[in-house]
Amino acid sequence: MRIFQAISPSFPRIAASSVLLLGALAVPARAAGPKVTQWLTTPDRTSLLAKQPGQLRFKDASGAGPTIEVDDAKTFQTMDGFGFALTGGSAELIMRMTPKARTSLLHELFGVKGNAIGVSYLRVSIGSSDMNDHVFTYDDLAQEEKDLSLKHFNLGPDLKDVVPVLKEILAINPRISILASPWSAPSWMKTNDDPKGGSLKPEYYEVYSRYLVKYIEAMRSLGITIAAITIQNEPLNPKNTPSMSMSSEEQEQFIQQAFGPQLRKSNLATKIVLYDHNCDKPQYAISILKDPEASQYVDGSGFHLYGGTIDAMTTVHDAAPQKNLYFTEQMIIDQKSDPTLQIAKPVSRVVIGATENWSRNVLLWNLAADPQFGPHTSNGGCPVCEGAITLDGDKVTRNLAFYTVGQASKFIPVGSTRIASSPASAEIPPHVAFRTPAGKHVLIVANPGAEAKTFNIRFEGKDISTSLGANAAATYTW
């Protein structure tokens, strides 16, 4: 009792203090937003896809300064992946590496751990492209011979390099998507009986359709699934060796009368992608997509960016919003007269540009070349096509295209969704945002300008303030 009496005079004060304390606890401070990690590539190469020290933290929005607002309530296309063309020449160089060096390289390219960049999409050629050491198709015959039953069909040289490399890649990433493109039909099917130029004779539409289906089936028998096929690489360019011209009317007829029905009859899930050429001729794709007899077989359209502007993809999307868009090729090379890594321009022009204009993927051109930009075909091969990597035996040099794709592929897995973000402007650098299947957010920003840019990133009413140097690119994740 004495103890109670001793403390009882102070009890009201303790109780009042407790009430005040509890009242303060009942109104919590506004919680900080998520932490943000920045991965940076700079033109001076001091930072190459490098995770920056420390983390940024979203705080209450200040409302001041240029701001990129990310809004994941508004969604666009789902992403199928990022990658390169595994040309025959690329595969040949990779197969020349020692097994240990080859395994290490393929894990860096197609793995997801450590320094790997997580390439998730590949393009291969049906027969040779101009980046093979020689021209071939899967049914080459002597002059004047024909093979209407395709009894001579054989994957030939691809069994020595492309197929083994693909099998190693699939062991690392079984989910990788593969797009296949023909550079030419066998010469005996063409108007000029030559690998270069000419066009497909209408009387061979049916047999060429069976030829393409046999390719897909042959690859499937080897454990390689061809997710999509384009009808013809660069159908308006007859100057490559090999190459084949195909007008929009010819492609429309080929799909409608022959290849579409033949592919459907085969019960293969391979998607048909039409066009596969530059952004300067969107009407090529639109004209076919407007024909219901042809478009019923078509999944979407593929584009390159050697001509035209990237918003042509949106033009096609608006004309046929139910069909998909794919970015299937762009060569990106280091300027030998400039030792800096001009990363911002290709990231903004191609990676950001294509995905902001509805593309489900981004494929750059040649994965690997030797120091002389080979192998390539003669009299129409590409003598300036630098690889994303340069291979000199086991020596690997990572070039501009490697880092351009890596700035996206390392962070944006298959199944991610593009989400809304503020328009770019003079103050706000080019950018694009995604939400991954795991619910994480990714923002790619490039600054192709000559001066550093300072800006905010806003998400759910909270900001971080950051800056990006001239000609640099960064990926922000949270």
Protein backbone atom coordinates (compact mmCIF):
# COMPACT_ATOMS: atom_id res chain seq x y z
CA MET A 1 0.00 0.00 0.00
CA ARG A 2 2.83 2.38 0.80
CA ILE A 3 4.40 1.63 -2.55
CA PHE A 4 1.16 2.51 -4.34
CA GLN A 5 0.79 5.71 -2.34
CA ALA A 6 4.37 6.63 -3.16
CA ILE A 7 3.83 6.42 -6.90
CA SER A 8 0.21 7.45 -7.11
CA PRO A 9 0.84 11.24 -7.10
CA SER A 10 2.78 10.96 -10.34
CA PHE A 11 0.38 8.53 -11.98
CA PRO A 12 -1.78 11.17 -13.70
CA ARG A 13 1.34 12.74 -15.24
CA ILE A 14 2.58 9.35 -16.49
CA ALA A 15 -0.83 8.58 -17.92
CA ALA A 16 -1.05 11.94 -19.69
CA SER A 17 2.41 11.51 -21.15
CA SER A 18 1.50 8.06 -22.33
CA VAL A 19 -1.62 9.37 -24.04
CA LEU A 20 0.43 12.04 -25.82
CA LEU A 21 2.99 9.44 -26.86
CA LEU A 22 0.34 7.06 -28.09
CA GLY A 23 -1.32 9.89 -29.98
CA ALA A 24 1.96 10.67 -31.73
CA LEU A 25 2.40 7.02 -32.66
CA ALA A 26 -1.13 6.96 -34.04
CA VAL A 27 -0.14 9.47 -36.77
CA PRO A 28 2.89 7.87 -38.46
CA ALA A 29 5.28 9.82 -40.62
CA ARG A 30 4.75 9.37 -44.35
CA ALA A 31 6.59 6.24 -45.42
CA ALA A 32 9.50 6.60 -47.80
CA GLY A 33 9.12 5.09 -51.25
CA PRO A 34 11.10 2.20 -52.69
CA LYS A 35 14.87 2.25 -53.17
CA VAL A 36 16.16 2.74 -56.70
CA THR A 37 19.30 1.21 -58.21
CA GLN A 38 21.02 2.85 -61.17
CA TRP A 39 22.99 0.91 -63.81
CA LEU A 40 25.13 3.24 -65.90
CA THR A 41 27.06 3.20 -69.19
CA THR A 42 29.19 6.24 -69.97
CA PRO A 43 30.91 7.28 -73.21
CA ASP A 44 34.36 7.33 -71.58
CA ARG A 45 33.89 3.63 -70.68
CA THR A 46 34.59 4.22 -66.99
CA SER A 47 31.16 2.73 -66.32
CA LEU A 48 29.97 -0.15 -68.52
CA LEU A 49 26.58 -1.48 -67.46
CA ALA A 50 27.85 -0.84 -63.93
CA LYS A 51 25.73 -0.79 -60.80
CA GLN A 52 26.25 2.58 -59.15
CA PRO A 53 27.23 2.76 -55.47
CA GLY A 54 24.51 3.56 -52.97
CA GLN A 55 20.81 3.74 -53.73
CA LEU A 56 18.39 6.52 -54.49
CA ARG A 57 15.20 6.67 -52.42
CA PHE A 58 11.81 7.99 -53.47
CA LYS A 59 10.69 10.87 -51.23
CA ASP A 60 7.72 13.19 -51.17
CA ALA A 61 7.43 14.94 -54.52
CA SER A 62 8.94 18.40 -54.63
CA GLY A 63 7.12 19.42 -57.79
CA ALA A 64 10.16 21.29 -59.09
CA GLY A 65 12.23 20.60 -62.19
CA PRO A 66 11.85 18.36 -65.26
CA THR A 67 10.13 15.14 -64.22
CA ILE A 68 9.66 11.68 -65.75
CA GLU A 69 6.45 10.38 -64.20
CA VAL A 70 6.05 6.61 -64.37
CA ASP A 71 2.47 5.32 -64.28
CA ASP A 72 1.96 1.57 -64.20
CA ALA A 73 -1.82 1.95 -64.24
CA LYS A 74 -1.58 2.42 -68.02
CA THR A 75 -0.08 -0.51 -69.91
CA PHE A 76 0.90 -1.23 -73.50
CA GLN A 77 2.55 -4.22 -75.22
CA THR A 78 4.09 -7.28 -73.56
CA MET A 79 7.78 -7.81 -74.30
CA ASP A 80 9.13 -10.95 -75.97
CA GLY A 81 12.80 -10.10 -75.53
CA PHE A 82 15.98 -8.36 -76.64
CA GLY A 83 18.92 -9.71 -78.60
CA PHE A 84 20.87 -10.13 -81.81
CA ALA A 85 21.13 -12.07 -85.05
CA LEU A 86 23.05 -15.30 -84.61
CA THR A 87 24.34 -15.27 -88.18
CA GLY A 88 26.12 -18.26 -89.67
CA GLY A 89 29.35 -16.29 -89.41
CA SER A 90 28.71 -15.57 -85.72
CA ALA A 91 28.10 -19.26 -85.03
CA GLU A 92 31.21 -20.26 -86.99
CA LEU A 93 33.40 -17.94 -84.89
CA ILE A 94 31.82 -19.11 -81.64
CA MET A 95 32.41 -22.75 -82.57
CA ARG A 96 36.11 -21.98 -83.20
CA MET A 97 36.52 -20.99 -79.54
CA THR A 98 37.84 -23.47 -77.02
CA PRO A 99 34.97 -25.16 -75.14
CA LYS A 100 35.74 -23.38 -71.87
CA ALA A 101 35.88 -19.93 -73.47
CA ARG A 102 32.74 -20.61 -75.51
CA THR A 103 30.79 -21.72 -72.44
CA SER A 104 31.90 -18.63 -70.51
CA LEU A 105 30.87 -16.32 -73.35
CA LEU A 106 27.46 -17.94 -73.86
CA HIS A 107 26.70 -17.73 -70.14
CA GLU A 108 27.63 -14.04 -70.19
CA LEU A 109 25.34 -13.42 -73.15
CA PHE A 110 22.37 -15.62 -72.30
CA GLY A 111 22.56 -16.19 -68.55
CA VAL A 112 20.99 -14.05 -65.84
CA LYS A 113 23.54 -14.19 -63.02
CA GLY A 114 26.55 -12.01 -62.25
CA ASN A 115 27.76 -10.05 -65.26
CA ALA A 116 25.39 -11.84 -67.68
CA ILE A 117 23.19 -9.60 -69.84
CA GLY A 118 20.24 -11.98 -70.25
CA VAL A 119 19.75 -11.96 -74.03
CA SER A 120 16.29 -13.43 -74.59
CA TYR A 121 15.65 -13.24 -78.35
CA LEU A 122 17.66 -14.37 -81.39
CA ARG A 123 17.31 -14.12 -85.13
CA VAL A 124 18.74 -16.78 -87.43
CA SER A 125 18.84 -17.04 -91.21
CA ILE A 126 17.09 -19.76 -93.20
CA GLY A 127 20.03 -20.84 -95.33
CA SER A 128 22.88 -18.35 -95.50
CA SER A 129 22.70 -14.62 -94.94
CA ASP A 130 25.25 -12.14 -96.22
CA MET A 131 27.18 -12.81 -92.99
CA ASN A 132 28.12 -16.40 -93.86
CA ASP A 133 31.43 -17.38 -95.40
CA HIS A 134 29.60 -18.70 -98.48
CA VAL A 135 26.14 -18.75 -100.04
CA PHE A 136 23.86 -21.75 -99.62
CA THR A 137 20.25 -22.81 -99.26
CA TYR A 138 18.96 -26.17 -98.04
CA ASP A 139 18.22 -27.44 -101.54
CA ASP A 140 20.94 -26.30 -103.94
CA LEU A 141 21.04 -28.00 -107.33
CA ALA A 142 23.05 -27.94 -110.51
CA GLN A 143 21.95 -25.57 -113.28
CA GLU A 144 18.60 -26.53 -114.86
CA GLU A 145 17.82 -29.11 -112.13
CA LYS A 146 14.67 -28.95 -110.00
CA ASP A 147 13.53 -30.72 -106.83
CA LEU A 148 9.78 -30.35 -106.56
CA SER A 149 9.55 -33.10 -103.94
CA LEU A 150 12.40 -31.50 -101.87
CA LYS A 151 14.10 -34.88 -101.53
CA HIS A 152 17.51 -33.13 -101.42
CA PHE A 153 16.48 -30.83 -98.54
CA ASN A 154 19.18 -30.74 -95.85
CA LEU A 155 20.21 -28.21 -93.18
CA GLY A 156 23.76 -28.63 -94.45
CA PRO A 157 26.32 -26.15 -93.06
CA ASP A 158 24.00 -25.06 -90.23
CA LEU A 159 24.46 -28.50 -88.66
CA LYS A 160 28.13 -27.66 -88.10
CA ASP A 161 27.75 -24.32 -86.33
CA VAL A 162 24.31 -22.70 -85.98
CA VAL A 163 22.60 -25.79 -84.58
CA PRO A 164 25.34 -26.68 -82.03
CA VAL A 165 25.51 -23.08 -80.80
CA LEU A 166 21.72 -22.88 -80.47
CA LYS A 167 21.69 -26.10 -78.46
CA GLU A 168 24.26 -24.67 -76.03
CA ILE A 169 22.24 -21.48 -75.74
CA LEU A 170 19.02 -23.40 -75.09
CA ALA A 171 20.76 -25.31 -72.31
CA ILE A 172 21.40 -21.95 -70.65
CA ASN A 173 18.04 -20.34 -71.48
CA PRO A 174 15.38 -22.83 -72.66
CA ARG A 175 12.83 -20.00 -73.02
CA ILE A 176 14.74 -17.98 -75.60
CA SER A 177 12.66 -16.94 -78.62
CA ILE A 178 14.04 -17.58 -82.11
CA LEU A 179 12.98 -15.68 -85.24
CA ALA A 180 14.03 -17.14 -88.60
CA SER A 181 14.36 -15.16 -91.84
CA PRO A 182 15.22 -16.33 -95.38
CA TRP A 183 17.58 -14.24 -97.51
CA SER A 184 16.69 -16.16 -100.65
CA ALA A 185 14.80 -19.16 -101.97
CA PRO A 186 16.90 -21.80 -103.76
CA SER A 187 18.05 -20.37 -107.08
CA TRP A 188 16.08 -22.89 -109.14
CA MET A 189 12.85 -21.38 -107.77
CA LYS A 190 13.77 -17.83 -108.84
CA THR A 191 13.28 -15.73 -111.94
CA ASN A 192 17.03 -15.19 -112.43
CA ASP A 193 18.27 -18.61 -111.25
CA ASP A 194 20.78 -16.79 -109.01
CA PRO A 195 21.25 -16.36 -105.24
CA LYS A 196 21.39 -12.56 -105.64
CA GLY A 197 18.30 -10.60 -106.61
CA GLY A 198 15.51 -12.00 -108.73
CA SER A 199 12.13 -12.98 -107.33
CA LEU A 200 10.20 -16.13 -106.51
CA LYS A 201 8.35 -17.63 -109.47
CA PRO A 202 4.62 -17.96 -108.71
CA GLU A 203 4.66 -21.58 -109.87
CA TYR A 204 7.00 -22.33 -106.95
CA TYR A 205 4.90 -20.70 -104.21
CA GLU A 206 3.62 -24.07 -103.04
CA VAL A 207 6.97 -25.86 -103.06
CA TYR A 208 8.72 -22.93 -101.36
CA SER A 209 6.04 -23.01 -98.68
CA ARG A 210 6.81 -26.67 -98.08
CA TYR A 211 10.53 -25.79 -98.02
CA LEU A 212 9.97 -23.27 -95.19
CA VAL A 213 7.78 -25.69 -93.26
CA LYS A 214 10.40 -28.44 -93.67
CA TYR A 215 12.96 -26.06 -92.14
CA ILE A 216 10.77 -25.41 -89.08
CA GLU A 217 10.12 -29.14 -88.69
CA ALA A 218 13.80 -30.03 -89.13
CA MET A 219 14.81 -27.57 -86.42
CA ARG A 220 12.06 -28.86 -84.14
CA SER A 221 13.36 -32.42 -84.58
CA LEU A 222 16.70 -31.13 -83.22
CA GLY A 223 15.04 -29.59 -80.16
CA ILE A 224 14.99 -26.04 -81.56
CA THR A 225 11.64 -24.24 -81.70
CA ILE A 226 11.24 -21.49 -84.28
CA ALA A 227 8.86 -19.04 -82.61
CA ALA A 228 8.36 -16.83 -85.65
CA ILE A 229 9.33 -16.63 -89.30
CA THR A 230 9.53 -13.64 -91.61
CA ILE A 231 8.61 -14.18 -95.25
CA GLN A 232 11.69 -12.46 -96.68
CA ASN A 233 14.57 -10.43 -95.26
CA GLU A 234 14.58 -6.95 -96.80
CA PRO A 235 12.23 -7.77 -99.69
CA LEU A 236 12.89 -4.39 -101.31
CA ASN A 237 16.69 -4.81 -101.32
CA PRO A 238 18.08 -7.01 -104.14
CA LYS A 239 21.71 -5.97 -103.55
CA ASN A 240 22.78 -8.37 -100.80
CA THR A 241 24.32 -11.74 -101.57
CA PRO A 242 22.06 -13.65 -101.11
CA SER A 243 18.83 -11.66 -101.59
CA MET A 244 15.41 -11.89 -103.21
CA SER A 245 12.93 -9.19 -104.19
CA MET A 246 9.31 -9.52 -103.14
CA SER A 247 6.72 -6.80 -103.62
CA SER A 248 3.88 -6.34 -101.16
CA GLU A 249 1.49 -7.80 -103.73
CA GLU A 250 3.73 -10.87 -104.17
CA GLN A 251 4.08 -11.34 -100.42
CA GLU A 252 0.35 -10.99 -99.95
CA GLN A 253 -0.33 -13.64 -102.58
CA PHE A 254 2.36 -15.95 -101.23
CA ILE A 255 0.93 -15.81 -97.71
CA GLN A 256 -2.70 -16.07 -98.80
CA GLN A 257 -2.38 -18.75 -101.46
CA ALA A 258 0.46 -20.91 -100.21
CA PHE A 259 2.44 -20.36 -97.04
CA GLY A 260 -0.38 -19.42 -94.67
CA PRO A 261 -2.47 -22.49 -95.48
CA GLN A 262 0.61 -24.75 -95.56
CA LEU A 263 1.79 -23.59 -92.13
CA ARG A 264 -1.68 -23.95 -90.66
CA LYS A 265 -2.01 -27.43 -92.15
CA SER A 266 1.27 -28.44 -90.46
CA ASN A 267 -0.13 -27.60 -87.00
CA LEU A 268 3.04 -25.67 -86.17
CA ALA A 269 2.75 -22.77 -83.71
CA THR A 270 5.33 -20.66 -85.58
CA LYS A 271 4.07 -17.11 -86.16
CA ILE A 272 4.22 -15.34 -89.52
CA VAL A 273 5.83 -11.89 -89.49
CA LEU A 274 5.57 -9.96 -92.74
CA TYR A 275 7.69 -7.22 -94.36
CA ASP A 276 11.01 -7.33 -92.33
CA HIS A 277 12.39 -4.14 -93.85
CA ASN A 278 12.78 -0.41 -93.30
CA CYS A 279 10.46 2.05 -91.59
CA ASP A 280 10.18 4.14 -94.77
CA LYS A 281 7.52 1.87 -96.29
CA PRO A 282 4.84 1.20 -93.63
CA GLN A 283 2.24 0.85 -96.38
CA TYR A 284 3.88 -2.44 -97.43
CA ALA A 285 2.72 -4.03 -94.19
CA ILE A 286 -0.56 -2.14 -93.96
CA SER A 287 -1.70 -3.23 -97.42
CA ILE A 288 -1.32 -6.91 -96.47
CA LEU A 289 -2.86 -6.48 -93.03
CA LYS A 290 -5.91 -4.88 -94.64
CA ASP A 291 -6.53 -8.03 -96.70
CA PRO A 292 -8.49 -10.42 -94.44
CA GLU A 293 -7.64 -13.44 -96.62
CA ALA A 294 -3.90 -12.89 -96.05
CA SER A 295 -3.88 -11.25 -92.61
CA GLN A 296 -5.72 -14.17 -91.01
CA TYR A 297 -2.40 -16.03 -91.13
CA VAL A 298 -0.23 -13.11 -89.98
CA ASP A 299 0.83 -12.38 -86.40
CA GLY A 300 2.48 -9.04 -87.13
CA SER A 301 5.07 -6.99 -89.02
CA GLY A 302 8.84 -6.59 -88.70
CA PHE A 303 10.89 -3.43 -89.19
CA HIS A 304 14.47 -2.22 -89.64
CA LEU A 305 15.61 1.39 -89.27
CA TYR A 306 18.08 2.01 -92.10
CA GLY A 307 15.41 4.24 -93.67
CA GLY A 308 12.38 6.12 -92.43
CA THR A 309 11.49 7.01 -88.85
CA ILE A 310 10.64 4.68 -86.01
CA ASP A 311 7.12 6.07 -85.54
CA ALA A 312 6.17 4.18 -88.71
CA MET A 313 5.65 1.25 -86.35
CA THR A 314 2.92 3.18 -84.58
CA THR A 315 1.41 4.03 -87.96
CA VAL A 316 1.11 0.29 -88.65
CA HIS A 317 -0.17 -0.37 -85.14
CA ASP A 318 -2.89 2.23 -85.54
CA ALA A 319 -3.92 0.72 -88.89
CA ALA A 320 -4.12 -2.81 -87.44
CA PRO A 321 -4.06 -2.63 -83.61
CA GLN A 322 -4.88 -6.33 -83.26
CA LYS A 323 -1.56 -7.30 -84.89
CA ASN A 324 1.90 -7.26 -83.29
CA LEU A 325 5.02 -5.27 -84.13
CA TYR A 326 8.62 -6.52 -84.08
CA PHE A 327 11.94 -4.74 -84.49
CA THR A 328 13.96 -7.34 -86.39
CA GLU A 329 17.27 -5.73 -87.38
CA GLN A 330 19.59 -2.77 -86.98
CA MET A 331 23.36 -2.62 -87.39
CA ILE A 332 25.03 -0.50 -84.72
CA ILE A 333 28.76 0.06 -84.98
CA ASP A 334 31.48 1.90 -83.09
CA GLN A 335 32.90 4.89 -84.94
CA LYS A 336 36.56 4.03 -85.34
CA SER A 337 37.47 7.73 -85.58
CA ASP A 338 35.86 8.27 -82.16
CA PRO A 339 37.27 6.24 -79.23
CA THR A 340 34.27 7.04 -77.00
CA LEU A 341 31.29 4.74 -76.60
CA GLN A 342 28.36 6.73 -77.98
CA ILE A 343 25.77 4.67 -76.13
CA ALA A 344 22.98 7.21 -75.80
CA LYS A 345 22.12 7.52 -79.48
CA PRO A 346 21.39 3.83 -80.24
CA VAL A 347 19.65 3.32 -76.89
CA SER A 348 17.37 6.29 -77.51
CA ARG A 349 16.87 5.72 -81.24
CA VAL A 350 16.41 1.95 -81.27
CA VAL A 351 15.77 0.47 -77.82
CA ILE A 352 13.60 3.31 -76.54
CA GLY A 353 12.29 4.24 -79.98
CA ALA A 354 11.13 0.76 -80.97
CA THR A 355 9.53 -0.13 -77.65
CA GLU A 356 7.82 3.26 -77.36
CA ASN A 357 6.34 2.49 -80.80
CA TRP A 358 4.77 -0.85 -79.86
CA SER A 359 7.56 -3.30 -80.69
CA ARG A 360 7.46 -6.51 -78.66
CA ASN A 361 11.19 -7.04 -79.13
CA VAL A 362 14.43 -5.36 -80.17
CA LEU A 363 16.90 -7.28 -82.33
CA LEU A 364 20.20 -5.78 -83.40
CA TRP A 365 22.23 -7.22 -86.25
CA ASN A 366 25.28 -9.44 -86.18
CA LEU A 367 26.13 -11.01 -82.82
CA ALA A 368 29.79 -11.69 -83.60
CA ALA A 369 32.38 -10.84 -86.24
CA ASP A 370 36.14 -11.22 -86.48
CA PRO A 371 38.50 -8.20 -86.42
CA GLN A 372 38.09 -7.83 -90.21
CA PHE A 373 34.25 -7.77 -89.94
CA GLY A 374 33.96 -11.26 -91.35
CA PRO A 375 33.00 -13.87 -92.25
CA HIS A 376 30.73 -12.55 -95.00
CA THR A 377 29.83 -13.53 -98.54
CA SER A 378 31.60 -12.01 -101.53
CA ASN A 379 30.09 -9.63 -104.09
CA GLY A 380 27.27 -8.47 -101.83
CA GLY A 381 28.24 -9.48 -98.32
CA CYS A 382 28.64 -6.80 -95.65
CA PRO A 383 32.28 -5.68 -95.26
CA VAL A 384 31.50 -3.18 -92.45
CA CYS A 385 29.14 -5.22 -90.24
CA GLU A 386 30.81 -5.10 -86.86
CA GLY A 387 29.55 -7.64 -84.36
CA ALA A 388 28.13 -6.86 -80.97
CA ILE A 389 31.27 -8.69 -79.95
CA THR A 390 34.52 -9.08 -81.85
CA LEU A 391 35.98 -12.59 -81.64
CA ASP A 392 39.66 -13.20 -82.30
CA GLY A 393 40.00 -16.82 -81.29
CA ASP A 394 39.10 -16.83 -77.60
CA LYS A 395 39.66 -13.08 -77.23
CA VAL A 396 36.34 -11.22 -76.78
CA THR A 397 35.88 -7.49 -77.34
CA ARG A 398 32.51 -6.07 -76.34
CA ASN A 399 31.31 -3.37 -78.71
CA LEU A 400 28.63 -0.68 -78.78
CA ALA A 401 25.80 -3.04 -79.77
CA PHE A 402 26.58 -5.33 -76.82
CA TYR A 403 26.02 -2.54 -74.31
CA THR A 404 23.04 -1.15 -76.23
CA VAL A 405 21.12 -4.41 -75.87
CA GLY A 406 22.48 -5.10 -72.39
CA GLN A 407 21.06 -1.84 -71.08
CA ALA A 408 17.62 -3.44 -71.62
CA SER A 409 18.03 -7.23 -71.73
CA LYS A 410 19.72 -7.46 -68.33
CA PHE A 411 16.73 -5.89 -66.59
CA ILE A 412 13.60 -6.56 -68.67
CA PRO A 413 12.69 -10.27 -68.69
CA VAL A 414 10.28 -11.91 -71.11
CA GLY A 415 6.70 -11.10 -70.16
CA SER A 416 7.43 -7.59 -68.93
CA THR A 417 4.92 -4.92 -69.88
CA ARG A 418 5.62 -1.44 -71.16
CA ILE A 419 3.95 1.15 -68.93
CA ALA A 420 3.24 4.85 -69.34
CA SER A 421 5.77 7.60 -68.71
CA SER A 422 5.96 11.31 -69.42
CA PRO A 423 6.76 12.40 -72.98
CA ALA A 424 10.35 13.33 -73.72
CA SER A 425 11.10 17.02 -74.32
CA ALA A 426 13.99 19.44 -74.50
CA GLU A 427 14.33 19.15 -70.73
CA ILE A 428 13.29 15.50 -70.29
CA PRO A 429 15.62 12.96 -71.97
CA PRO A 430 14.32 9.99 -74.03
CA HIS A 431 13.08 7.14 -71.83
CA VAL A 432 10.80 4.11 -71.62
CA ALA A 433 9.35 2.27 -68.62
CA PHE A 434 8.36 -1.34 -67.90
CA ARG A 435 6.87 -3.50 -65.16
CA THR A 436 8.36 -6.98 -64.88
CA PRO A 437 6.36 -10.17 -64.18
CA ALA A 438 7.75 -10.03 -60.62
CA GLY A 439 6.24 -6.55 -60.13
CA LYS A 440 9.51 -4.61 -60.34
CA HIS A 441 9.83 -1.41 -62.33
CA VAL A 442 12.47 -0.57 -64.92
CA LEU A 443 13.13 2.82 -66.49
CA ILE A 444 15.68 3.22 -69.30
CA VAL A 445 16.91 6.77 -69.88
CA ALA A 446 19.37 7.99 -72.52
CA ASN A 447 20.90 11.43 -72.90
CA PRO A 448 22.07 11.93 -76.49
CA GLY A 449 22.66 15.63 -75.83
CA ALA A 450 25.96 17.45 -75.39
CA GLU A 451 25.18 18.55 -71.82
CA ALA A 452 24.33 16.65 -68.64
CA LYS A 453 20.64 16.43 -67.73
CA THR A 454 19.22 16.73 -64.21
CA PHE A 455 15.68 15.47 -63.75
CA ASN A 456 13.26 13.84 -61.34
CA ILE A 457 11.72 10.39 -61.57
CA ARG A 458 8.24 10.33 -60.06
CA PHE A 459 6.38 7.18 -59.02
CA GLU A 460 3.20 7.01 -56.95
CA GLY A 461 3.52 10.64 -55.87
CA LYS A 462 7.15 10.41 -54.78
CA ASP A 463 10.32 11.65 -56.46
CA ILE A 464 13.97 10.95 -56.76
CA SER A 465 16.34 13.51 -58.23
CA THR A 466 19.08 12.25 -60.50
CA SER A 467 21.30 13.31 -63.38
CA LEU A 468 22.72 11.73 -66.51
CA GLY A 469 25.88 12.85 -68.26
CA ALA A 470 26.12 13.75 -71.92
CA ASN A 471 25.92 10.74 -74.27
CA ALA A 472 25.32 8.35 -71.36
CA ALA A 473 22.56 5.80 -70.76
CA ALA A 474 21.15 4.50 -67.48
CA THR A 475 18.67 1.91 -66.33
CA TYR A 476 16.85 2.53 -63.06
CA THR A 477 15.24 -0.39 -61.22
CA TRP A 478 12.98 -0.51 -58.16
